[in-house]
Amino acid sequence: LVIQSRVAYIGKKRSLEPDELTFLQEKLTLVPQ
């Protein structure tokens, strides 16, 4: 949930495309613990 919130914030701040947001969120949530 924290990752989703931060990715959304970063996406707005950096004007990221939806596919960039998805990629970033997937990579961050793949990390265990």
PDB file of all heavy atoms in Angstrom:
ATOM      1  N   LEU A   1       0.828  -1.214   0.000  1.00  0.00           N
ATOM      2  CA  LEU A   1       0.000   0.000   0.000  1.00  0.00           C
ATOM      3  C   LEU A   1       0.860   1.261   0.000  1.00  0.00           C
ATOM      4  O   LEU A   1       0.565   2.229  -0.703  1.00  0.00           O
ATOM      5  CB  LEU A   1      -0.938   0.007   1.215  1.00  0.00           C
ATOM      6  CG  LEU A   1      -2.081  -0.997   1.192  1.00  0.00           C
ATOM      7  CD1 LEU A   1      -2.832  -0.970   2.528  1.00  0.00           C
ATOM      8  CD2 LEU A   1      -3.029  -0.710   0.043  1.00  0.00           C
ATOM      9  N   VAL A   2       1.926   1.234   0.784  1.00  0.00           N
ATOM     10  CA  VAL A   2       2.842   2.378   0.816  1.00  0.00           C
ATOM     11  C   VAL A   2       3.508   2.545  -0.553  1.00  0.00           C
ATOM     12  O   VAL A   2       3.619   3.659  -1.064  1.00  0.00           O
ATOM     13  CB  VAL A   2       3.895   2.213   1.937  1.00  0.00           C
ATOM     14  CG1 VAL A   2       4.959   3.300   1.847  1.00  0.00           C
ATOM     15  CG2 VAL A   2       3.225   2.237   3.304  1.00  0.00           C
ATOM     16  N   ILE A   3       3.922   1.445  -1.139  1.00  0.00           N
ATOM     17  CA  ILE A   3       4.553   1.502  -2.464  1.00  0.00           C
ATOM     18  C   ILE A   3       3.577   2.088  -3.485  1.00  0.00           C
ATOM     19  O   ILE A   3       3.947   2.970  -4.274  1.00  0.00           O
ATOM     20  CB  ILE A   3       5.054   0.108  -2.903  1.00  0.00           C
ATOM     21  CG1 ILE A   3       6.258  -0.305  -2.053  1.00  0.00           C
ATOM     22  CG2 ILE A   3       5.398   0.104  -4.391  1.00  0.00           C
ATOM     23  CD1 ILE A   3       6.709  -1.742  -2.265  1.00  0.00           C
ATOM     24  N   GLN A   4       2.325   1.636  -3.485  1.00  0.00           N
ATOM     25  CA  GLN A   4       1.328   2.159  -4.417  1.00  0.00           C
ATOM     26  C   GLN A   4       1.168   3.663  -4.258  1.00  0.00           C
ATOM     27  O   GLN A   4       1.123   4.411  -5.241  1.00  0.00           O
ATOM     28  CB  GLN A   4      -0.029   1.480  -4.192  1.00  0.00           C
ATOM     29  CG  GLN A   4      -0.089   0.052  -4.643  1.00  0.00           C
ATOM     30  CD  GLN A   4      -1.403  -0.618  -4.230  1.00  0.00           C
ATOM     31  OE1 GLN A   4      -2.303   0.007  -3.672  1.00  0.00           O
ATOM     32  NE2 GLN A   4      -1.507  -1.906  -4.510  1.00  0.00           N
ATOM     33  N   SER A   5       1.089   4.111  -3.017  1.00  0.00           N
ATOM     34  CA  SER A   5       0.919   5.536  -2.744  1.00  0.00           C
ATOM     35  C   SER A   5       2.123   6.339  -3.218  1.00  0.00           C
ATOM     36  O   SER A   5       1.971   7.385  -3.861  1.00  0.00           O
ATOM     37  CB  SER A   5       0.704   5.736  -1.242  1.00  0.00           C
ATOM     38  OG  SER A   5       0.689   7.097  -0.915  1.00  0.00           O
ATOM     39  N   ARG A   6       3.322   5.853  -2.925  1.00  0.00           N
ATOM     40  CA  ARG A   6       4.542   6.566  -3.319  1.00  0.00           C
ATOM     41  C   ARG A   6       4.728   6.567  -4.835  1.00  0.00           C
ATOM     42  O   ARG A   6       5.146   7.564  -5.405  1.00  0.00           O
ATOM     43  CB  ARG A   6       5.764   5.953  -2.633  1.00  0.00           C
ATOM     44  CG  ARG A   6       5.775   6.139  -1.130  1.00  0.00           C
ATOM     45  CD  ARG A   6       5.902   7.575  -0.708  1.00  0.00           C
ATOM     46  NE  ARG A   6       7.221   8.074  -1.096  1.00  0.00           N
ATOM     47  CZ  ARG A   6       7.546   9.353  -1.141  1.00  0.00           C
ATOM     48  NH1 ARG A   6       6.674  10.274  -0.827  1.00  0.00           N
ATOM     49  NH2 ARG A   6       8.745   9.713  -1.512  1.00  0.00           N
ATOM     50  N   VAL A   7       4.393   5.458  -5.491  1.00  0.00           N
ATOM     51  CA  VAL A   7       4.498   5.396  -6.955  1.00  0.00           C
ATOM     52  C   VAL A   7       3.532   6.405  -7.581  1.00  0.00           C
ATOM     53  O   VAL A   7       3.892   7.124  -8.524  1.00  0.00           O
ATOM     54  CB  VAL A   7       4.255   3.960  -7.475  1.00  0.00           C
ATOM     55  CG1 VAL A   7       4.014   3.953  -8.977  1.00  0.00           C
ATOM     56  CG2 VAL A   7       5.431   3.063  -7.117  1.00  0.00           C
ATOM     57  N   ALA A   8       2.328   6.492  -7.053  1.00  0.00           N
ATOM     58  CA  ALA A   8       1.360   7.465  -7.567  1.00  0.00           C
ATOM     59  C   ALA A   8       1.881   8.887  -7.385  1.00  0.00           C
ATOM     60  O   ALA A   8       1.791   9.719  -8.301  1.00  0.00           O
ATOM     61  CB  ALA A   8       0.006   7.286  -6.877  1.00  0.00           C
ATOM     62  N   TYR A   9       2.448   9.163  -6.223  1.00  0.00           N
ATOM     63  CA  TYR A   9       3.000  10.489  -5.946  1.00  0.00           C
ATOM     64  C   TYR A   9       4.150  10.809  -6.901  1.00  0.00           C
ATOM     65  O   TYR A   9       4.197  11.883  -7.503  1.00  0.00           O
ATOM     66  CB  TYR A   9       3.468  10.561  -4.489  1.00  0.00           C
ATOM     67  CG  TYR A   9       4.226  11.816  -4.158  1.00  0.00           C
ATOM     68  CD1 TYR A   9       3.550  13.017  -3.948  1.00  0.00           C
ATOM     69  CD2 TYR A   9       5.619  11.806  -4.062  1.00  0.00           C
ATOM     70  CE1 TYR A   9       4.247  14.177  -3.651  1.00  0.00           C
ATOM     71  CE2 TYR A   9       6.320  12.953  -3.764  1.00  0.00           C
ATOM     72  CZ  TYR A   9       5.637  14.130  -3.562  1.00  0.00           C
ATOM     73  OH  TYR A   9       6.322  15.278  -3.277  1.00  0.00           O
ATOM     74  N   ILE A  10       5.072   9.875  -7.045  1.00  0.00           N
ATOM     75  CA  ILE A  10       6.216  10.067  -7.943  1.00  0.00           C
ATOM     76  C   ILE A  10       5.730  10.226  -9.387  1.00  0.00           C
ATOM     77  O   ILE A  10       6.250  11.051 -10.139  1.00  0.00           O
ATOM     78  CB  ILE A  10       7.217   8.906  -7.811  1.00  0.00           C
ATOM     79  CG1 ILE A  10       7.897   8.949  -6.445  1.00  0.00           C
ATOM     80  CG2 ILE A  10       8.258   8.936  -8.924  1.00  0.00           C
ATOM     81  CD1 ILE A  10       8.679   7.689  -6.088  1.00  0.00           C
ATOM     82  N   GLY A  11       4.725   9.426  -9.758  1.00  0.00           N
ATOM     83  CA  GLY A  11       4.177   9.511 -11.107  1.00  0.00           C
ATOM     84  C   GLY A  11       3.630  10.889 -11.416  1.00  0.00           C
ATOM     85  O   GLY A  11       3.858  11.432 -12.508  1.00  0.00           O
ATOM     86  N   LYS A  12       2.902  11.473 -10.482  1.00  0.00           N
ATOM     87  CA  LYS A  12       2.363  12.824 -10.680  1.00  0.00           C
ATOM     88  C   LYS A  12       3.493  13.849 -10.719  1.00  0.00           C
ATOM     89  O   LYS A  12       3.499  14.745 -11.566  1.00  0.00           O
ATOM     90  CB  LYS A  12       1.383  13.171  -9.567  1.00  0.00           C
ATOM     91  CG  LYS A  12       0.067  12.461  -9.671  1.00  0.00           C
ATOM     92  CD  LYS A  12      -0.857  12.835  -8.535  1.00  0.00           C
ATOM     93  CE  LYS A  12      -2.126  12.007  -8.607  1.00  0.00           C
ATOM     94  NZ  LYS A  12      -2.996  12.253  -7.453  1.00  0.00           N
ATOM     95  N   LYS A  13       4.423  13.713  -9.802  1.00  0.00           N
ATOM     96  CA  LYS A  13       5.519  14.686  -9.701  1.00  0.00           C
ATOM     97  C   LYS A  13       6.413  14.655 -10.941  1.00  0.00           C
ATOM     98  O   LYS A  13       6.876  15.689 -11.397  1.00  0.00           O
ATOM     99  CB  LYS A  13       6.339  14.389  -8.450  1.00  0.00           C
ATOM    100  CG  LYS A  13       7.349  15.439  -8.112  1.00  0.00           C
ATOM    101  CD  LYS A  13       7.991  15.177  -6.767  1.00  0.00           C
ATOM    102  CE  LYS A  13       8.969  16.289  -6.444  1.00  0.00           C
ATOM    103  NZ  LYS A  13       9.544  16.145  -5.136  1.00  0.00           N
ATOM    104  N   ARG A  14       6.648  13.467 -11.490  1.00  0.00           N
ATOM    105  CA  ARG A  14       7.550  13.309 -12.634  1.00  0.00           C
ATOM    106  C   ARG A  14       6.818  13.134 -13.967  1.00  0.00           C
ATOM    107  O   ARG A  14       7.447  12.884 -14.976  1.00  0.00           O
ATOM    108  CB  ARG A  14       8.461  12.096 -12.416  1.00  0.00           C
ATOM    109  CG  ARG A  14       9.296  12.151 -11.177  1.00  0.00           C
ATOM    110  CD  ARG A  14      10.418  13.126 -11.340  1.00  0.00           C
ATOM    111  NE  ARG A  14      11.246  13.112 -10.145  1.00  0.00           N
ATOM    112  CZ  ARG A  14      12.135  14.023  -9.865  1.00  0.00           C
ATOM    113  NH1 ARG A  14      12.336  15.006 -10.696  1.00  0.00           N
ATOM    114  NH2 ARG A  14      12.832  13.953  -8.758  1.00  0.00           N
ATOM    115  N   SER A  15       5.492  13.254 -13.943  1.00  0.00           N
ATOM    116  CA  SER A  15       4.669  13.099 -15.151  1.00  0.00           C
ATOM    117  C   SER A  15       4.973  11.788 -15.879  1.00  0.00           C
ATOM    118  O   SER A  15       5.194  11.759 -17.088  1.00  0.00           O
ATOM    119  CB  SER A  15       4.884  14.288 -16.100  1.00  0.00           C
ATOM    120  OG  SER A  15       4.539  15.493 -15.463  1.00  0.00           O
ATOM    121  N   LEU A  16       4.965  10.697 -15.134  1.00  0.00           N
ATOM    122  CA  LEU A  16       5.246   9.386 -15.716  1.00  0.00           C
ATOM    123  C   LEU A  16       4.026   8.857 -16.471  1.00  0.00           C
ATOM    124  O   LEU A  16       2.887   9.133 -16.119  1.00  0.00           O
ATOM    125  CB  LEU A  16       5.644   8.389 -14.628  1.00  0.00           C
ATOM    126  CG  LEU A  16       6.913   8.703 -13.847  1.00  0.00           C
ATOM    127  CD1 LEU A  16       7.148   7.635 -12.779  1.00  0.00           C
ATOM    128  CD2 LEU A  16       8.119   8.818 -14.760  1.00  0.00           C
ATOM    129  N   GLU A  17       4.296   8.081 -17.490  1.00  0.00           N
ATOM    130  CA  GLU A  17       3.248   7.431 -18.270  1.00  0.00           C
ATOM    131  C   GLU A  17       2.700   6.235 -17.479  1.00  0.00           C
ATOM    132  O   GLU A  17       3.402   5.680 -16.619  1.00  0.00           O
ATOM    133  CB  GLU A  17       3.819   6.939 -19.603  1.00  0.00           C
ATOM    134  CG  GLU A  17       4.321   8.049 -20.513  1.00  0.00           C
ATOM    135  CD  GLU A  17       3.196   8.951 -20.996  1.00  0.00           C
ATOM    136  OE1 GLU A  17       2.086   8.438 -21.250  1.00  0.00           O
ATOM    137  OE2 GLU A  17       3.437  10.172 -21.114  1.00  0.00           O
ATOM    138  N   PRO A  18       1.457   5.802 -17.784  1.00  0.00           N
ATOM    139  CA  PRO A  18       0.882   4.660 -17.063  1.00  0.00           C
ATOM    140  C   PRO A  18       1.748   3.397 -17.114  1.00  0.00           C
ATOM    141  O   PRO A  18       1.862   2.693 -16.114  1.00  0.00           O
ATOM    142  CB  PRO A  18      -0.461   4.440 -17.763  1.00  0.00           C
ATOM    143  CG  PRO A  18      -0.830   5.787 -18.300  1.00  0.00           C
ATOM    144  CD  PRO A  18       0.488   6.429 -18.682  1.00  0.00           C
ATOM    145  N   ASP A  19       2.363   3.123 -18.263  1.00  0.00           N
ATOM    146  CA  ASP A  19       3.204   1.924 -18.343  1.00  0.00           C
ATOM    147  C   ASP A  19       4.468   2.063 -17.484  1.00  0.00           C
ATOM    148  O   ASP A  19       4.967   1.087 -16.935  1.00  0.00           O
ATOM    149  CB  ASP A  19       3.563   1.586 -19.791  1.00  0.00           C
ATOM    150  CG  ASP A  19       4.341   2.685 -20.501  1.00  0.00           C
ATOM    151  OD1 ASP A  19       4.112   3.873 -20.204  1.00  0.00           O
ATOM    152  OD2 ASP A  19       5.178   2.346 -21.365  1.00  0.00           O
ATOM    153  N   GLU A  20       4.975   3.276 -17.322  1.00  0.00           N
ATOM    154  CA  GLU A  20       6.125   3.515 -16.444  1.00  0.00           C
ATOM    155  C   GLU A  20       5.734   3.308 -14.984  1.00  0.00           C
ATOM    156  O   GLU A  20       6.498   2.731 -14.203  1.00  0.00           O
ATOM    157  CB  GLU A  20       6.681   4.923 -16.648  1.00  0.00           C
ATOM    158  CG  GLU A  20       7.283   5.145 -18.022  1.00  0.00           C
ATOM    159  CD  GLU A  20       7.643   6.587 -18.281  1.00  0.00           C
ATOM    160  OE1 GLU A  20       6.818   7.490 -17.993  1.00  0.00           O
ATOM    161  OE2 GLU A  20       8.762   6.816 -18.763  1.00  0.00           O
ATOM    162  N   LEU A  21       4.543   3.772 -14.632  1.00  0.00           N
ATOM    163  CA  LEU A  21       4.039   3.571 -13.266  1.00  0.00           C
ATOM    164  C   LEU A  21       3.888   2.088 -12.965  1.00  0.00           C
ATOM    165  O   LEU A  21       4.278   1.619 -11.894  1.00  0.00           O
ATOM    166  CB  LEU A  21       2.695   4.277 -13.073  1.00  0.00           C
ATOM    167  CG  LEU A  21       2.709   5.792 -13.077  1.00  0.00           C
ATOM    168  CD1 LEU A  21       1.284   6.329 -13.065  1.00  0.00           C
ATOM    169  CD2 LEU A  21       3.492   6.315 -11.894  1.00  0.00           C
ATOM    170  N   THR A  22       3.302   1.358 -13.906  1.00  0.00           N
ATOM    171  CA  THR A  22       3.111  -0.084 -13.728  1.00  0.00           C
ATOM    172  C   THR A  22       4.443  -0.787 -13.576  1.00  0.00           C
ATOM    173  O   THR A  22       4.626  -1.621 -12.676  1.00  0.00           O
ATOM    174  CB  THR A  22       2.331  -0.673 -14.923  1.00  0.00           C
ATOM    175  OG1 THR A  22       1.068  -0.013 -15.010  1.00  0.00           O
ATOM    176  CG2 THR A  22       2.120  -2.160 -14.761  1.00  0.00           C
ATOM    177  N   PHE A  23       5.402  -0.457 -14.424  1.00  0.00           N
ATOM    178  CA  PHE A  23       6.732  -1.057 -14.358  1.00  0.00           C
ATOM    179  C   PHE A  23       7.388  -0.780 -13.007  1.00  0.00           C
ATOM    180  O   PHE A  23       7.906  -1.700 -12.354  1.00  0.00           O
ATOM    181  CB  PHE A  23       7.609  -0.505 -15.491  1.00  0.00           C
ATOM    182  CG  PHE A  23       9.019  -0.999 -15.460  1.00  0.00           C
ATOM    183  CD1 PHE A  23       9.340  -2.259 -15.942  1.00  0.00           C
ATOM    184  CD2 PHE A  23      10.033  -0.213 -14.935  1.00  0.00           C
ATOM    185  CE1 PHE A  23      10.651  -2.728 -15.903  1.00  0.00           C
ATOM    186  CE2 PHE A  23      11.350  -0.664 -14.899  1.00  0.00           C
ATOM    187  CZ  PHE A  23      11.652  -1.923 -15.384  1.00  0.00           C
ATOM    188  N   LEU A  24       7.347   0.466 -12.567  1.00  0.00           N
ATOM    189  CA  LEU A  24       7.956   0.845 -11.295  1.00  0.00           C
ATOM    190  C   LEU A  24       7.306   0.103 -10.130  1.00  0.00           C
ATOM    191  O   LEU A  24       7.999  -0.469  -9.276  1.00  0.00           O
ATOM    192  CB  LEU A  24       7.844   2.363 -11.094  1.00  0.00           C
ATOM    193  CG  LEU A  24       8.444   2.950  -9.841  1.00  0.00           C
ATOM    194  CD1 LEU A  24       9.932   2.642  -9.736  1.00  0.00           C
ATOM    195  CD2 LEU A  24       8.206   4.457  -9.799  1.00  0.00           C
ATOM    196  N   GLN A  25       5.990   0.069 -10.110  1.00  0.00           N
ATOM    197  CA  GLN A  25       5.290  -0.613  -9.021  1.00  0.00           C
ATOM    198  C   GLN A  25       5.574  -2.111  -9.027  1.00  0.00           C
ATOM    199  O   GLN A  25       5.786  -2.705  -7.970  1.00  0.00           O
ATOM    200  CB  GLN A  25       3.788  -0.360  -9.118  1.00  0.00           C
ATOM    201  CG  GLN A  25       3.048  -0.945  -7.934  1.00  0.00           C
ATOM    202  CD  GLN A  25       1.660  -0.393  -7.812  1.00  0.00           C
ATOM    203  OE1 GLN A  25       1.385   0.722  -8.220  1.00  0.00           O
ATOM    204  NE2 GLN A  25       0.774  -1.184  -7.234  1.00  0.00           N
ATOM    205  N   GLU A  26       5.579  -2.731 -10.193  1.00  0.00           N
ATOM    206  CA  GLU A  26       5.865  -4.173 -10.275  1.00  0.00           C
ATOM    207  C   GLU A  26       7.271  -4.490  -9.761  1.00  0.00           C
ATOM    208  O   GLU A  26       7.470  -5.453  -9.018  1.00  0.00           O
ATOM    209  CB  GLU A  26       5.710  -4.669 -11.705  1.00  0.00           C
ATOM    210  CG  GLU A  26       4.274  -4.796 -12.137  1.00  0.00           C
ATOM    211  CD  GLU A  26       4.131  -5.175 -13.610  1.00  0.00           C
ATOM    212  OE1 GLU A  26       5.156  -5.299 -14.322  1.00  0.00           O
ATOM    213  OE2 GLU A  26       2.982  -5.360 -14.046  1.00  0.00           O
ATOM    214  N   LYS A  27       8.247  -3.680 -10.159  1.00  0.00           N
ATOM    215  CA  LYS A  27       9.629  -3.937  -9.717  1.00  0.00           C
ATOM    216  C   LYS A  27       9.773  -3.765  -8.201  1.00  0.00           C
ATOM    217  O   LYS A  27      10.463  -4.528  -7.549  1.00  0.00           O
ATOM    218  CB  LYS A  27      10.610  -3.011 -10.449  1.00  0.00           C
ATOM    219  CG  LYS A  27      10.744  -3.328 -11.923  1.00  0.00           C
ATOM    220  CD  LYS A  27      11.266  -4.733 -12.122  1.00  0.00           C
ATOM    221  CE  LYS A  27      11.397  -5.067 -13.581  1.00  0.00           C
ATOM    222  NZ  LYS A  27      11.805  -6.447 -13.825  1.00  0.00           N
ATOM    223  N   LEU A  28       9.112  -2.759  -7.645  1.00  0.00           N
ATOM    224  CA  LEU A  28       9.229  -2.519  -6.212  1.00  0.00           C
ATOM    225  C   LEU A  28       8.497  -3.570  -5.379  1.00  0.00           C
ATOM    226  O   LEU A  28       8.930  -3.918  -4.284  1.00  0.00           O
ATOM    227  CB  LEU A  28       8.712  -1.124  -5.865  1.00  0.00           C
ATOM    228  CG  LEU A  28       9.580   0.026  -6.356  1.00  0.00           C
ATOM    229  CD1 LEU A  28       8.880   1.350  -6.120  1.00  0.00           C
ATOM    230  CD2 LEU A  28      10.937   0.008  -5.686  1.00  0.00           C
ATOM    231  N   THR A  29       7.388  -4.084  -5.881  1.00  0.00           N
ATOM    232  CA  THR A  29       6.639  -5.089  -5.115  1.00  0.00           C
ATOM    233  C   THR A  29       7.193  -6.498  -5.289  1.00  0.00           C
ATOM    234  O   THR A  29       6.804  -7.396  -4.557  1.00  0.00           O
ATOM    235  CB  THR A  29       5.146  -5.066  -5.457  1.00  0.00           C
ATOM    236  OG1 THR A  29       4.979  -5.219  -6.863  1.00  0.00           O
ATOM    237  CG2 THR A  29       4.484  -3.774  -4.999  1.00  0.00           C
ATOM    238  N   LEU A  30       8.098  -6.701  -6.225  1.00  0.00           N
ATOM    239  CA  LEU A  30       8.725  -8.012  -6.397  1.00  0.00           C
ATOM    240  C   LEU A  30       9.773  -8.306  -5.315  1.00  0.00           C
ATOM    241  O   LEU A  30      10.083  -9.449  -5.059  1.00  0.00           O
ATOM    242  CB  LEU A  30       9.404  -8.118  -7.775  1.00  0.00           C
ATOM    243  CG  LEU A  30       8.469  -8.334  -8.948  1.00  0.00           C
ATOM    244  CD1 LEU A  30       9.276  -8.321 -10.252  1.00  0.00           C
ATOM    245  CD2 LEU A  30       7.718  -9.635  -8.816  1.00  0.00           C
ATOM    246  N   VAL A  31      10.286  -7.256  -4.700  1.00  0.00           N
ATOM    247  CA  VAL A  31      11.329  -7.408  -3.687  1.00  0.00           C
ATOM    248  C   VAL A  31      10.714  -8.020  -2.434  1.00  0.00           C
ATOM    249  O   VAL A  31       9.763  -7.479  -1.877  1.00  0.00           O
ATOM    250  CB  VAL A  31      11.975  -6.041  -3.344  1.00  0.00           C
ATOM    251  CG1 VAL A  31      13.017  -6.183  -2.262  1.00  0.00           C
ATOM    252  CG2 VAL A  31      12.578  -5.422  -4.591  1.00  0.00           C
ATOM    253  N   PRO A  32      11.220  -9.170  -1.955  1.00  0.00           N
ATOM    254  CA  PRO A  32      10.663  -9.769  -0.742  1.00  0.00           C
ATOM    255  C   PRO A  32      10.959  -8.929   0.496  1.00  0.00           C
ATOM    256  O   PRO A  32      11.988  -8.261   0.546  1.00  0.00           O
ATOM    257  CB  PRO A  32      11.342 -11.144  -0.657  1.00  0.00           C
ATOM    258  CG  PRO A  32      12.568 -11.027  -1.487  1.00  0.00           C
ATOM    259  CD  PRO A  32      12.321  -9.962  -2.516  1.00  0.00           C
ATOM    260  N   GLN A  33      10.068  -8.985   1.459  1.00  0.00           N
ATOM    261  CA  GLN A  33      10.169  -8.247   2.722  1.00  0.00           C
ATOM    262  C   GLN A  33      10.245  -6.766   2.474  1.00  0.00           C
ATOM    263  O   GLN A  33      10.973  -6.031   3.076  1.00  0.00           O
ATOM    264  CB  GLN A  33      11.356  -8.709   3.562  1.00  0.00           C
ATOM    265  CG  GLN A  33      11.229 -10.121   3.997  1.00  0.00           C
ATOM    266  CD  GLN A  33      12.369 -10.549   4.904  1.00  0.00           C
ATOM    267  OE1 GLN A  33      13.262  -9.800   5.234  1.00  0.00           O
ATOM    268  NE2 GLN A  33      12.336 -11.788   5.316  1.00  0.00           N
TER     269      GLN A  33
END
